[in-house]
Amino acid sequence: MDRPIQQRCVEPFVASVENLFRTMLKQSVEAGAATPGLSELKDKHIRATIRLSGDVVGSVALLMPEPASVEAVAAFVGRKIPFGSTDFRDAVGELANMIVGGAASRIGGLKVRISCPTVVLGPQPPAPEATAGGGATTVLTVPFSIKGGMFVVELLMTEIGTAAKAA
């Protein structure tokens, strides 16, 4: 039996994060082990969520505590931007967009469409489908470490097989 979609997608998401930080932000990033369940971030943070559709449905969330997000955004745009400002939210949304778009292009054999990011300051409740229970939808959280601290990517996905699509 195939591994669940979240497990198959960890490597493409890790590769996408590493590529973005290495090429666009000129920073090193280290991925930790993926764990089941939602992130337990309690610190002031920003969350950028992108919905998935096509052969895979669900969402991907980039959650960055304030220190890590300030560092990443400054590296991305070339200057410090106040945490939570409109420009800051736009920059974090674009980082999430590049991570999810890069990962979607690395997921072989599946057509994945992505939405525009929704960006909010945390803490926020998890996405409704993350708490609905039942079905094959589960969450995997992948932690990352950078110069400014840590952040996580939450993968909440269900693969839609051809039989399910036809029904």
Foldseek 3Di string as FASTA:
>chain_A
DDDFPVVLLPVLLVVQLQCCCVPQLVWGKDKDDKDWDDDPDPAWWKKKKKFKDFQKGDIKIKIDHPQVLQSRLCSRPVHGDDPPDPVSQVSVQVSVVSSVVRSQVVRPPTHMDIDRIDMDIDDDDDDPVAPPDDDPWTKIKMKMATPRGIIIMIDTMHGQDPVNVVD
